Amino acid sequence: MRVGIAGVSGYAGVELLRLLHRHPAVRITALSAGRGAGRALSDLWPGWTGAALPPVGRLDVDHLAEHCDVVFLALPHGVSQTVVPALLERGVDVVDLGADHRLTDPEAYAAAYGAPHTCPELLSLATYGLPEQNRDVLAGARLVACPGCYPTATAIAALPLVEEGLADLVFSDCLSGISGAGRKAGPRNLYAEVQESVTAYGLAGAHRHTPEMEQALGVPVVFSPHLVPMVRGMLATVKVRLRRPVSGEELRDLYRERYARHPAVVVRDEVPATRDVRGTAAAHVFPLVDIRREVATVVSAIDNLGKGAAGQAVHAFNLSRGLPETAGLPLVPLLP
């Protein structure tokens, strides 16, 4: 299958390249980047020196349509919507890692991202690419909207509670590595600013991922993101006040049953760490109950570039094309 990657100069884009380069059903036929167009891939990423891959071009719909059956878009919000309509019209399917097609409500999109969507009719046509929630409806999807990293970690932790009617309000505290901020210079990305420091941001509903979480879960979410001094990884601690008493054993059984047929989710008997999922497309979760307060706490660990971005995109792509679900997916971590 001929596949293109747009946005290969970014962290999510190059992680896509790493996964798709060894995917058994994929042949990479086009690469593009906003910066670095016209240069060899090794100029952008020296570690890829010697790889037999196409040169990096500019974002060109005609070129992508001629050379690709499917295009993965790892682009800043606002950019994907300028090319998706033309790609679909030319018969090219799209897996969008950006935010442009995640929200189904155009008004919610405009409020979250500060500008109206240029193709609001596509929002209702996109399939939200969280395999653990939408596995069956991903089959045959032509436009897959991959979830954000924070919504992924939160949804994986909270879905069983919400689906069982045990939660009507979700609190999510997330810790993210700095690669989630992208490959650009700025105070939040500088070593001297982030090393030996932890900071919270986007509080009290201000973060753009909050409406996406609420759409995925169907309940209100109080979200508190934090930036921590590591490159990649995300740890979500999700808490809910239970609507009825549940024992710790009952809760663990609920999670094991809910995720039994989902190979990218591992239900643990101990708290996971981000190092347990580094470089993988997996999520590790650990549910427990504080019986004194009837509060459930669920800890989920993902790699923000893996399960939170490129790995999940490949997973959703596999399901949309009828391929083996775990084809090309790394599910064991890079250690140490």
C-alpha atoms as a PDB file:
ATOM      1  CA  MET A   1       0.000   0.000   0.000  1.00  0.00           C
ATOM      2  CA  ARG A   2       1.431   3.383  -1.023  1.00  0.00           C
ATOM      3  CA  VAL A   3       1.645   5.750   1.930  1.00  0.00           C
ATOM      4  CA  GLY A   4       2.722   9.365   2.328  1.00  0.00           C
ATOM      5  CA  ILE A   5       3.664  11.320   5.446  1.00  0.00           C
ATOM      6  CA  ALA A   6       3.142  15.079   5.604  1.00  0.00           C
ATOM      7  CA  GLY A   7       4.954  16.792   8.460  1.00  0.00           C
ATOM      8  CA  VAL A   8       7.989  14.537   8.679  1.00  0.00           C
ATOM      9  CA  SER A   9      10.144  17.294  10.184  1.00  0.00           C
ATOM     10  CA  GLY A  10       8.225  17.104  13.486  1.00  0.00           C
ATOM     11  CA  TYR A  11       8.465  14.593  16.295  1.00  0.00           C
ATOM     12  CA  ALA A  12       5.145  12.867  15.558  1.00  0.00           C
ATOM     13  CA  GLY A  13       5.993  12.794  11.850  1.00  0.00           C
ATOM     14  CA  VAL A  14       9.369  11.149  12.296  1.00  0.00           C
ATOM     15  CA  GLU A  15       7.878   8.659  14.770  1.00  0.00           C
ATOM     16  CA  LEU A  16       5.339   7.795  12.080  1.00  0.00           C
ATOM     17  CA  LEU A  17       8.219   7.278   9.690  1.00  0.00           C
ATOM     18  CA  ARG A  18       9.908   4.903  12.134  1.00  0.00           C
ATOM     19  CA  LEU A  19       6.772   2.786  12.493  1.00  0.00           C
ATOM     20  CA  LEU A  20       5.638   2.810   8.869  1.00  0.00           C
ATOM     21  CA  HIS A  21       9.128   2.134   7.516  1.00  0.00           C
ATOM     22  CA  ARG A  22       8.936  -1.372   8.972  1.00  0.00           C
ATOM     23  CA  HIS A  23       5.202  -1.930   8.477  1.00  0.00           C
ATOM     24  CA  PRO A  24       4.718  -5.132   6.441  1.00  0.00           C
ATOM     25  CA  ALA A  25       1.859  -3.732   4.321  1.00  0.00           C
ATOM     26  CA  VAL A  26       3.270  -0.266   3.625  1.00  0.00           C
ATOM     27  CA  ARG A  27       5.543   1.297   1.028  1.00  0.00           C
ATOM     28  CA  ILE A  28       6.443   4.915   1.779  1.00  0.00           C
ATOM     29  CA  THR A  29       6.120   6.833  -1.474  1.00  0.00           C
ATOM     30  CA  ALA A  30       5.988  10.504  -0.438  1.00  0.00           C
ATOM     31  CA  LEU A  31       7.376  12.704   2.328  1.00  0.00           C
ATOM     32  CA  SER A  32       6.760  16.385   2.919  1.00  0.00           C
ATOM     33  CA  ALA A  33       7.700  18.992   5.497  1.00  0.00           C
ATOM     34  CA  GLY A  34       6.976  22.645   6.056  1.00  0.00           C
ATOM     35  CA  ARG A  35      10.604  23.269   6.842  1.00  0.00           C
ATOM     36  CA  GLY A  36      13.249  21.320   4.999  1.00  0.00           C
ATOM     37  CA  ALA A  37      11.303  20.827   1.765  1.00  0.00           C
ATOM     38  CA  GLY A  38      13.636  19.975  -1.091  1.00  0.00           C
ATOM     39  CA  ARG A  39      16.281  18.534   1.208  1.00  0.00           C
ATOM     40  CA  ALA A  40      17.272  14.963   1.910  1.00  0.00           C
ATOM     41  CA  LEU A  41      15.643  13.337   4.913  1.00  0.00           C
ATOM     42  CA  SER A  42      19.096  12.931   6.461  1.00  0.00           C
ATOM     43  CA  ASP A  43      19.461  16.723   6.518  1.00  0.00           C
ATOM     44  CA  LEU A  44      16.456  16.889   8.845  1.00  0.00           C
ATOM     45  CA  TRP A  45      17.186  13.705  10.774  1.00  0.00           C
ATOM     46  CA  PRO A  46      20.829  12.541  10.453  1.00  0.00           C
ATOM     47  CA  GLY A  47      19.915   9.212  12.020  1.00  0.00           C
ATOM     48  CA  TRP A  48      18.072   8.339   8.812  1.00  0.00           C
ATOM     49  CA  THR A  49      21.203   8.625   6.666  1.00  0.00           C
ATOM     50  CA  GLY A  50      21.319   5.807   4.120  1.00  0.00           C
ATOM     51  CA  ALA A  51      17.614   4.945   4.281  1.00  0.00           C
ATOM     52  CA  ALA A  52      16.042   4.303   0.876  1.00  0.00           C
ATOM     53  CA  LEU A  53      13.202   6.822   1.054  1.00  0.00           C
ATOM     54  CA  PRO A  54      11.745   9.560  -1.167  1.00  0.00           C
ATOM     55  CA  PRO A  55      13.145  13.093  -0.907  1.00  0.00           C
ATOM     56  CA  VAL A  56      11.324  15.527   1.336  1.00  0.00           C
ATOM     57  CA  GLY A  57       9.057  17.790  -0.713  1.00  0.00           C
ATOM     58  CA  ARG A  58       6.601  20.547   0.006  1.00  0.00           C
ATOM     59  CA  LEU A  59       2.972  19.864   0.901  1.00  0.00           C
ATOM     60  CA  ASP A  60       1.554  19.286  -2.592  1.00  0.00           C
ATOM     61  CA  VAL A  61      -1.879  17.691  -3.009  1.00  0.00           C
ATOM     62  CA  ASP A  62      -1.257  16.759  -6.645  1.00  0.00           C
ATOM     63  CA  HIS A  63       1.972  14.957  -5.781  1.00  0.00           C
ATOM     64  CA  LEU A  64       0.384  13.128  -2.855  1.00  0.00           C
ATOM     65  CA  ALA A  65      -2.655  12.119  -4.912  1.00  0.00           C
ATOM     66  CA  GLU A  66      -0.457  10.751  -7.684  1.00  0.00           C
ATOM     67  CA  HIS A  67       1.829   8.716  -5.455  1.00  0.00           C
ATOM     68  CA  CYS A  68      -0.261   7.673  -2.435  1.00  0.00           C
ATOM     69  CA  ASP A  69      -3.272   5.587  -1.478  1.00  0.00           C
ATOM     70  CA  VAL A  70      -3.235   6.885   2.101  1.00  0.00           C
ATOM     71  CA  VAL A  71      -1.667  10.031   3.547  1.00  0.00           C
ATOM     72  CA  PHE A  72      -0.808  10.577   7.206  1.00  0.00           C
ATOM     73  CA  LEU A  73      -0.945  14.245   8.213  1.00  0.00           C
ATOM     74  CA  ALA A  74       1.231  15.290  11.161  1.00  0.00           C
ATOM     75  CA  LEU A  75       0.592  19.010  10.766  1.00  0.00           C
ATOM     76  CA  PRO A  76      -0.180  21.971  13.042  1.00  0.00           C
ATOM     77  CA  HIS A  77      -3.859  22.658  13.680  1.00  0.00           C
ATOM     78  CA  GLY A  78      -5.428  24.677  10.903  1.00  0.00           C
ATOM     79  CA  VAL A  79      -3.251  23.198   8.144  1.00  0.00           C
ATOM     80  CA  SER A  80      -4.829  19.772   7.601  1.00  0.00           C
ATOM     81  CA  GLN A  81      -8.238  21.240   6.803  1.00  0.00           C
ATOM     82  CA  THR A  82      -6.713  23.100   3.842  1.00  0.00           C
ATOM     83  CA  VAL A  83      -5.700  19.872   2.073  1.00  0.00           C
ATOM     84  CA  VAL A  84      -8.054  17.136   3.318  1.00  0.00           C
ATOM     85  CA  PRO A  85     -11.014  17.992   1.031  1.00  0.00           C
ATOM     86  CA  ALA A  86      -8.846  17.837  -2.092  1.00  0.00           C
ATOM     87  CA  LEU A  87      -7.170  14.593  -1.014  1.00  0.00           C
ATOM     88  CA  LEU A  88     -10.504  12.891  -0.359  1.00  0.00           C
ATOM     89  CA  GLU A  89     -11.871  14.158  -3.666  1.00  0.00           C
ATOM     90  CA  ARG A  90      -8.862  12.654  -5.447  1.00  0.00           C
ATOM     91  CA  GLY A  91      -9.527   9.268  -3.829  1.00  0.00           C
ATOM     92  CA  VAL A  92      -6.776   9.451  -1.207  1.00  0.00           C
ATOM     93  CA  ASP A  93      -7.682   8.352   2.313  1.00  0.00           C
ATOM     94  CA  VAL A  94      -6.402  10.419   5.231  1.00  0.00           C
ATOM     95  CA  VAL A  95      -5.193   9.704   8.754  1.00  0.00           C
ATOM     96  CA  ASP A  96      -4.967  13.078  10.499  1.00  0.00           C
ATOM     97  CA  LEU A  97      -2.828  13.260  13.636  1.00  0.00           C
ATOM     98  CA  GLY A  98      -3.670  16.932  14.134  1.00  0.00           C
ATOM     99  CA  ALA A  99      -6.619  18.535  15.865  1.00  0.00           C
ATOM    100  CA  ASP A 100      -8.565  19.684  12.815  1.00  0.00           C
ATOM    101  CA  HIS A 101     -11.087  16.839  12.634  1.00  0.00           C
ATOM    102  CA  ARG A 102     -11.404  15.572  16.209  1.00  0.00           C
ATOM    103  CA  LEU A 103     -14.315  17.723  17.364  1.00  0.00           C
ATOM    104  CA  THR A 104     -17.685  17.129  15.725  1.00  0.00           C
ATOM    105  CA  ASP A 105     -19.133  20.532  16.666  1.00  0.00           C
ATOM    106  CA  PRO A 106     -17.836  23.448  14.520  1.00  0.00           C
ATOM    107  CA  GLU A 107     -18.575  25.920  17.318  1.00  0.00           C
ATOM    108  CA  ALA A 108     -16.588  23.855  19.798  1.00  0.00           C
ATOM    109  CA  TYR A 109     -13.689  23.764  17.347  1.00  0.00           C
ATOM    110  CA  ALA A 110     -13.757  27.539  16.847  1.00  0.00           C
ATOM    111  CA  ALA A 111     -13.880  28.134  20.600  1.00  0.00           C
ATOM    112  CA  ALA A 112     -10.989  25.771  21.296  1.00  0.00           C
ATOM    113  CA  TYR A 113      -8.699  26.779  18.438  1.00  0.00           C
ATOM    114  CA  GLY A 114      -9.533  30.435  17.986  1.00  0.00           C
ATOM    115  CA  ALA A 115     -10.714  30.327  14.370  1.00  0.00           C
ATOM    116  CA  PRO A 116     -13.655  28.826  12.465  1.00  0.00           C
ATOM    117  CA  HIS A 117     -13.164  25.536  10.665  1.00  0.00           C
ATOM    118  CA  THR A 118     -12.895  26.062   6.904  1.00  0.00           C
ATOM    119  CA  CYS A 119     -14.639  22.758   6.077  1.00  0.00           C
ATOM    120  CA  PRO A 120     -17.099  22.145   8.920  1.00  0.00           C
ATOM    121  CA  GLU A 121     -19.000  19.587   6.849  1.00  0.00           C
ATOM    122  CA  LEU A 122     -16.050  17.196   7.268  1.00  0.00           C
ATOM    123  CA  LEU A 123     -16.258  17.192  11.062  1.00  0.00           C
ATOM    124  CA  SER A 124     -19.277  14.913  11.101  1.00  0.00           C
ATOM    125  CA  LEU A 125     -17.699  12.618   8.493  1.00  0.00           C
ATOM    126  CA  ALA A 126     -14.435  11.984  10.338  1.00  0.00           C
ATOM    127  CA  THR A 127     -14.067   8.838  12.445  1.00  0.00           C
ATOM    128  CA  TYR A 128     -12.478   9.386  15.845  1.00  0.00           C
ATOM    129  CA  GLY A 129      -9.482   7.081  15.856  1.00  0.00           C
ATOM    130  CA  LEU A 130      -9.456   5.689  19.393  1.00  0.00           C
ATOM    131  CA  PRO A 131      -9.374   1.928  18.683  1.00  0.00           C
ATOM    132  CA  GLU A 132     -10.487   0.984  22.188  1.00  0.00           C
ATOM    133  CA  GLN A 133     -13.677   2.976  21.681  1.00  0.00           C
ATOM    134  CA  ASN A 134     -14.306   2.889  17.921  1.00  0.00           C
ATOM    135  CA  ARG A 135     -12.695  -0.302  16.677  1.00  0.00           C
ATOM    136  CA  ASP A 136     -15.798  -1.501  14.820  1.00  0.00           C
ATOM    137  CA  VAL A 137     -16.617   1.828  13.135  1.00  0.00           C
ATOM    138  CA  LEU A 138     -13.036   2.410  11.959  1.00  0.00           C
ATOM    139  CA  ALA A 139     -13.394  -0.274   9.293  1.00  0.00           C
ATOM    140  CA  GLY A 140     -13.455   1.445   5.915  1.00  0.00           C
ATOM    141  CA  ALA A 141     -13.028   4.952   7.349  1.00  0.00           C
ATOM    142  CA  ARG A 142     -11.686   7.399   4.759  1.00  0.00           C
ATOM    143  CA  LEU A 143     -10.891  10.199   7.205  1.00  0.00           C
ATOM    144  CA  VAL A 144      -9.518   9.166  10.588  1.00  0.00           C
ATOM    145  CA  ALA A 145      -9.130  11.848  13.256  1.00  0.00           C
ATOM    146  CA  CYS A 146      -6.492  10.625  15.677  1.00  0.00           C
ATOM    147  CA  PRO A 147      -7.070  11.611  19.313  1.00  0.00           C
ATOM    148  CA  GLY A 148      -4.740  13.946  21.151  1.00  0.00           C
ATOM    149  CA  CYS A 149      -2.267  12.559  23.655  1.00  0.00           C
ATOM    150  CA  TYR A 150      -3.990  13.897  26.776  1.00  0.00           C
ATOM    151  CA  PRO A 151      -7.460  12.710  25.656  1.00  0.00           C
ATOM    152  CA  THR A 152      -6.015   9.280  24.875  1.00  0.00           C
ATOM    153  CA  ALA A 153      -4.452   8.809  28.306  1.00  0.00           C
ATOM    154  CA  THR A 154      -7.580  10.134  30.016  1.00  0.00           C
ATOM    155  CA  ALA A 155     -10.111   8.195  27.942  1.00  0.00           C
ATOM    156  CA  ILE A 156      -8.306   4.871  28.313  1.00  0.00           C
ATOM    157  CA  ALA A 157      -8.354   5.385  32.082  1.00  0.00           C
ATOM    158  CA  ALA A 158     -11.956   6.593  32.367  1.00  0.00           C
ATOM    159  CA  LEU A 159     -13.943   4.760  29.674  1.00  0.00           C
ATOM    160  CA  PRO A 160     -14.797   1.624  31.708  1.00  0.00           C
ATOM    161  CA  LEU A 161     -16.046   3.750  34.617  1.00  0.00           C
ATOM    162  CA  VAL A 162     -18.193   5.963  32.403  1.00  0.00           C
ATOM    163  CA  GLU A 163     -19.580   3.092  30.336  1.00  0.00           C
ATOM    164  CA  GLU A 164     -20.544   1.225  33.513  1.00  0.00           C
ATOM    165  CA  GLY A 165     -22.406   4.273  34.826  1.00  0.00           C
ATOM    166  CA  LEU A 166     -20.005   4.673  37.732  1.00  0.00           C
ATOM    167  CA  ALA A 167     -18.876   8.215  36.902  1.00  0.00           C
ATOM    168  CA  ASP A 168     -20.612  11.424  35.920  1.00  0.00           C
ATOM    169  CA  LEU A 169     -17.610  13.722  36.492  1.00  0.00           C
ATOM    170  CA  VAL A 170     -13.962  12.949  35.723  1.00  0.00           C
ATOM    171  CA  PHE A 171     -10.855  14.587  37.190  1.00  0.00           C
ATOM    172  CA  SER A 172      -7.696  14.074  35.140  1.00  0.00           C
ATOM    173  CA  ASP A 173      -4.219  15.172  36.205  1.00  0.00           C
ATOM    174  CA  CYS A 174      -1.669  14.517  33.454  1.00  0.00           C
ATOM    175  CA  LEU A 175       2.119  14.754  33.339  1.00  0.00           C
ATOM    176  CA  SER A 176       3.666  15.142  29.881  1.00  0.00           C
ATOM    177  CA  GLY A 177       7.165  15.075  28.459  1.00  0.00           C
ATOM    178  CA  ILE A 178       8.304  18.158  26.563  1.00  0.00           C
ATOM    179  CA  SER A 179       8.178  16.526  23.115  1.00  0.00           C
ATOM    180  CA  GLY A 180       4.417  17.040  23.327  1.00  0.00           C
ATOM    181  CA  ALA A 181       5.050  20.747  22.790  1.00  0.00           C
ATOM    182  CA  GLY A 182       6.571  20.050  19.377  1.00  0.00           C
ATOM    183  CA  ARG A 183       9.926  20.622  17.726  1.00  0.00           C
ATOM    184  CA  LYS A 184      10.213  24.348  18.086  1.00  0.00           C
ATOM    185  CA  ALA A 185      12.076  26.833  20.208  1.00  0.00           C
ATOM    186  CA  GLY A 186      10.279  28.481  23.106  1.00  0.00           C
ATOM    187  CA  PRO A 187      10.464  28.959  26.875  1.00  0.00           C
ATOM    188  CA  ARG A 188       8.584  25.710  27.516  1.00  0.00           C
ATOM    189  CA  ASN A 189      11.063  23.768  25.370  1.00  0.00           C
ATOM    190  CA  LEU A 190      14.419  25.121  26.538  1.00  0.00           C
ATOM    191  CA  TYR A 191      16.565  22.839  28.692  1.00  0.00           C
ATOM    192  CA  ALA A 192      17.334  25.584  31.196  1.00  0.00           C
ATOM    193  CA  GLU A 193      13.618  26.286  31.646  1.00  0.00           C
ATOM    194  CA  VAL A 194      12.282  22.741  32.017  1.00  0.00           C
ATOM    195  CA  GLN A 195      15.121  20.824  33.668  1.00  0.00           C
ATOM    196  CA  GLU A 196      14.578  20.346  37.431  1.00  0.00           C
ATOM    197  CA  SER A 197      11.189  22.049  37.210  1.00  0.00           C
ATOM    198  CA  VAL A 198       7.544  20.991  36.923  1.00  0.00           C
ATOM    199  CA  THR A 199       4.779  23.373  35.959  1.00  0.00           C
ATOM    200  CA  ALA A 200       1.020  23.264  35.435  1.00  0.00           C
ATOM    201  CA  TYR A 201      -0.683  25.068  32.568  1.00  0.00           C
ATOM    202  CA  GLY A 202      -4.009  25.265  30.725  1.00  0.00           C
ATOM    203  CA  LEU A 203      -5.992  24.938  33.962  1.00  0.00           C
ATOM    204  CA  ALA A 204      -9.699  25.447  34.715  1.00  0.00           C
ATOM    205  CA  GLY A 205     -10.908  24.285  31.308  1.00  0.00           C
ATOM    206  CA  ALA A 206      -8.470  26.441  29.343  1.00  0.00           C
ATOM    207  CA  HIS A 207      -6.637  23.591  27.615  1.00  0.00           C
ATOM    208  CA  ARG A 208      -7.760  22.818  24.058  1.00  0.00           C
ATOM    209  CA  HIS A 209      -7.967  19.097  24.756  1.00  0.00           C
ATOM    210  CA  THR A 210     -10.694  19.495  27.390  1.00  0.00           C
ATOM    211  CA  PRO A 211     -13.658  19.580  24.953  1.00  0.00           C
ATOM    212  CA  GLU A 212     -12.191  16.589  23.128  1.00  0.00           C
ATOM    213  CA  MET A 213     -12.091  14.607  26.371  1.00  0.00           C
ATOM    214  CA  GLU A 214     -15.665  15.562  27.174  1.00  0.00           C
ATOM    215  CA  GLN A 215     -16.806  14.588  23.682  1.00  0.00           C
ATOM    216  CA  ALA A 216     -15.090  11.191  23.919  1.00  0.00           C
ATOM    217  CA  LEU A 217     -16.385  10.405  27.401  1.00  0.00           C
ATOM    218  CA  GLY A 218     -19.768  12.132  27.331  1.00  0.00           C
ATOM    219  CA  VAL A 219     -19.304  13.563  30.843  1.00  0.00           C
ATOM    220  CA  PRO A 220     -17.693  16.753  32.211  1.00  0.00           C
ATOM    221  CA  VAL A 221     -13.929  16.627  32.713  1.00  0.00           C
ATOM    222  CA  VAL A 222     -11.777  18.728  35.047  1.00  0.00           C
ATOM    223  CA  PHE A 223      -8.366  18.605  33.395  1.00  0.00           C
ATOM    224  CA  SER A 224      -5.015  19.691  34.860  1.00  0.00           C
ATOM    225  CA  PRO A 225      -1.992  19.198  32.571  1.00  0.00           C
ATOM    226  CA  HIS A 226       1.605  19.450  33.789  1.00  0.00           C
ATOM    227  CA  LEU A 227       4.905  19.667  31.930  1.00  0.00           C
ATOM    228  CA  VAL A 228       7.707  17.553  33.406  1.00  0.00           C
ATOM    229  CA  PRO A 229      11.430  17.346  32.548  1.00  0.00           C
ATOM    230  CA  MET A 230      11.498  14.247  30.359  1.00  0.00           C
ATOM    231  CA  VAL A 231      11.507  13.936  26.573  1.00  0.00           C
ATOM    232  CA  ARG A 232       8.667  11.512  25.931  1.00  0.00           C
ATOM    233  CA  GLY A 233       6.010   9.906  28.068  1.00  0.00           C
ATOM    234  CA  MET A 234       2.708  10.726  29.735  1.00  0.00           C
ATOM    235  CA  LEU A 235       1.161   9.686  33.030  1.00  0.00           C
ATOM    236  CA  ALA A 236      -2.518  10.363  33.731  1.00  0.00           C
ATOM    237  CA  THR A 237      -4.047  10.048  37.193  1.00  0.00           C
ATOM    238  CA  VAL A 238      -7.811   9.965  36.762  1.00  0.00           C
ATOM    239  CA  LYS A 239     -10.176  10.185  39.725  1.00  0.00           C
ATOM    240  CA  VAL A 240     -13.941   9.832  39.995  1.00  0.00           C
ATOM    241  CA  ARG A 241     -16.368   9.697  42.900  1.00  0.00           C
ATOM    242  CA  LEU A 242     -18.175   6.404  42.405  1.00  0.00           C
ATOM    243  CA  ARG A 243     -21.923   6.542  41.937  1.00  0.00           C
ATOM    244  CA  ARG A 244     -22.259   3.238  43.793  1.00  0.00           C
ATOM    245  CA  PRO A 245     -19.898   1.207  45.985  1.00  0.00           C
ATOM    246  CA  VAL A 246     -17.397  -0.972  44.108  1.00  0.00           C
ATOM    247  CA  SER A 247     -14.586  -3.056  45.560  1.00  0.00           C
ATOM    248  CA  GLY A 248     -11.053  -2.929  44.243  1.00  0.00           C
ATOM    249  CA  GLU A 249     -11.363  -6.478  42.927  1.00  0.00           C
ATOM    250  CA  GLU A 250     -14.604  -5.649  41.112  1.00  0.00           C
ATOM    251  CA  LEU A 251     -12.974  -2.618  39.525  1.00  0.00           C
ATOM    252  CA  ARG A 252      -9.941  -4.575  38.322  1.00  0.00           C
ATOM    253  CA  ASP A 253     -12.241  -7.243  36.886  1.00  0.00           C
ATOM    254  CA  LEU A 254     -14.197  -4.517  35.077  1.00  0.00           C
ATOM    255  CA  TYR A 255     -11.016  -3.200  33.453  1.00  0.00           C
ATOM    256  CA  ARG A 256      -9.677  -6.629  32.568  1.00  0.00           C
ATOM    257  CA  GLU A 257     -12.954  -7.562  30.899  1.00  0.00           C
ATOM    258  CA  ARG A 258     -13.293  -4.208  29.115  1.00  0.00           C
ATOM    259  CA  TYR A 259      -9.826  -4.364  27.575  1.00  0.00           C
ATOM    260  CA  ALA A 260      -9.482  -8.130  27.144  1.00  0.00           C
ATOM    261  CA  ARG A 261      -9.705  -7.948  23.344  1.00  0.00           C
ATOM    262  CA  HIS A 262      -7.654  -4.787  22.952  1.00  0.00           C
ATOM    263  CA  PRO A 263      -3.987  -5.702  22.443  1.00  0.00           C
ATOM    264  CA  ALA A 264      -2.660  -2.171  22.977  1.00  0.00           C
ATOM    265  CA  VAL A 265      -3.978  -1.894  26.557  1.00  0.00           C
ATOM    266  CA  VAL A 266      -2.379  -3.730  29.464  1.00  0.00           C
ATOM    267  CA  VAL A 267      -4.255  -3.781  32.789  1.00  0.00           C
ATOM    268  CA  ARG A 268      -1.647  -3.881  35.524  1.00  0.00           C
ATOM    269  CA  ASP A 269      -1.631  -5.048  39.148  1.00  0.00           C
ATOM    270  CA  GLU A 270       0.671  -2.194  40.104  1.00  0.00           C
ATOM    271  CA  VAL A 271       1.139   1.451  39.214  1.00  0.00           C
ATOM    272  CA  PRO A 272       2.726   1.796  35.744  1.00  0.00           C
ATOM    273  CA  ALA A 273       5.609   4.115  34.947  1.00  0.00           C
ATOM    274  CA  THR A 274       6.221   5.997  31.722  1.00  0.00           C
ATOM    275  CA  ARG A 275       9.389   3.962  31.131  1.00  0.00           C
ATOM    276  CA  ASP A 276       7.172   0.859  30.854  1.00  0.00           C
ATOM    277  CA  VAL A 277       5.670   2.159  27.597  1.00  0.00           C
ATOM    278  CA  ARG A 278       8.524   4.233  26.151  1.00  0.00           C
ATOM    279  CA  GLY A 279       8.668   3.823  22.386  1.00  0.00           C
ATOM    280  CA  THR A 280       5.461   1.765  22.252  1.00  0.00           C
ATOM    281  CA  ALA A 281       1.903   2.071  21.000  1.00  0.00           C
ATOM    282  CA  ALA A 282       0.600   0.602  24.258  1.00  0.00           C
ATOM    283  CA  ALA A 283      -1.240   2.000  27.268  1.00  0.00           C
ATOM    284  CA  HIS A 284      -0.728   0.524  30.732  1.00  0.00           C
ATOM    285  CA  VAL A 285      -3.502   1.115  33.271  1.00  0.00           C
ATOM    286  CA  PHE A 286      -3.920   0.407  36.981  1.00  0.00           C
ATOM    287  CA  PRO A 287      -7.338   0.891  38.655  1.00  0.00           C
ATOM    288  CA  LEU A 288      -7.871   1.004  42.406  1.00  0.00           C
ATOM    289  CA  VAL A 289     -10.516   2.122  44.899  1.00  0.00           C
ATOM    290  CA  ASP A 290     -10.297   4.225  48.052  1.00  0.00           C
ATOM    291  CA  ILE A 291     -13.167   2.517  49.898  1.00  0.00           C
ATOM    292  CA  ARG A 292     -13.068   5.166  52.662  1.00  0.00           C
ATOM    293  CA  ARG A 293     -14.196   7.869  50.249  1.00  0.00           C
ATOM    294  CA  GLU A 294     -15.755   5.737  47.480  1.00  0.00           C
ATOM    295  CA  VAL A 295     -13.333   7.227  44.984  1.00  0.00           C
ATOM    296  CA  ALA A 296     -11.785   5.311  42.084  1.00  0.00           C
ATOM    297  CA  THR A 297      -8.305   6.253  40.924  1.00  0.00           C
ATOM    298  CA  VAL A 298      -6.965   4.986  37.610  1.00  0.00           C
ATOM    299  CA  VAL A 299      -3.382   5.571  36.521  1.00  0.00           C
ATOM    300  CA  SER A 300      -2.574   5.271  32.825  1.00  0.00           C
ATOM    301  CA  ALA A 301       0.838   5.517  31.193  1.00  0.00           C
ATOM    302  CA  ILE A 302       1.443   6.097  27.496  1.00  0.00           C
ATOM    303  CA  ASP A 303       4.201   7.369  25.246  1.00  0.00           C
ATOM    304  CA  ASN A 304       2.871  10.697  24.000  1.00  0.00           C
ATOM    305  CA  LEU A 305       4.519  10.098  20.601  1.00  0.00           C
ATOM    306  CA  GLY A 306       3.460   6.438  20.504  1.00  0.00           C
ATOM    307  CA  LYS A 307      -0.015   5.643  21.813  1.00  0.00           C
ATOM    308  CA  GLY A 308      -0.558   9.404  22.033  1.00  0.00           C
ATOM    309  CA  ALA A 309       0.248  10.075  18.368  1.00  0.00           C
ATOM    310  CA  ALA A 310       2.017   7.959  15.732  1.00  0.00           C
ATOM    311  CA  GLY A 311       1.427   4.516  17.236  1.00  0.00           C
ATOM    312  CA  GLN A 312      -2.271   5.132  17.623  1.00  0.00           C
ATOM    313  CA  ALA A 313      -2.427   6.505  14.070  1.00  0.00           C
ATOM    314  CA  VAL A 314      -0.926   3.291  12.705  1.00  0.00           C
ATOM    315  CA  HIS A 315      -3.281   1.229  14.889  1.00  0.00           C
ATOM    316  CA  ALA A 316      -6.313   3.101  13.529  1.00  0.00           C
ATOM    317  CA  PHE A 317      -4.929   2.823   9.990  1.00  0.00           C
ATOM    318  CA  ASN A 318      -4.667  -0.959  10.364  1.00  0.00           C
ATOM    319  CA  LEU A 319      -8.289  -1.193  11.470  1.00  0.00           C
ATOM    320  CA  SER A 320      -9.512   1.131   8.724  1.00  0.00           C
ATOM    321  CA  ARG A 321      -7.796  -0.957   6.026  1.00  0.00           C
ATOM    322  CA  GLY A 322      -8.696  -4.392   7.367  1.00  0.00           C
ATOM    323  CA  LEU A 323      -5.071  -5.224   8.202  1.00  0.00           C
ATOM    324  CA  PRO A 324      -3.923  -7.249  11.215  1.00  0.00           C
ATOM    325  CA  GLU A 325      -4.574  -4.970  14.165  1.00  0.00           C
ATOM    326  CA  THR A 326      -1.050  -4.996  15.554  1.00  0.00           C
ATOM    327  CA  ALA A 327       0.818  -4.841  12.229  1.00  0.00           C
ATOM    328  CA  GLY A 328       3.820  -2.560  12.626  1.00  0.00           C
ATOM    329  CA  LEU A 329       2.941  -1.704  16.235  1.00  0.00           C
ATOM    330  CA  PRO A 330       5.683  -1.788  18.882  1.00  0.00           C
ATOM    331  CA  LEU A 331       4.116  -3.061  22.102  1.00  0.00           C
ATOM    332  CA  VAL A 332       7.227  -3.662  24.220  1.00  0.00           C
ATOM    333  CA  PRO A 333       9.292  -0.745  25.530  1.00  0.00           C
ATOM    334  CA  LEU A 334      12.724   0.612  24.779  1.00  0.00           C
ATOM    335  CA  LEU A 335      14.832  -0.171  27.854  1.00  0.00           C
ATOM    336  CA  PRO A 336      16.542   1.004  29.928  1.00  0.00           C
END
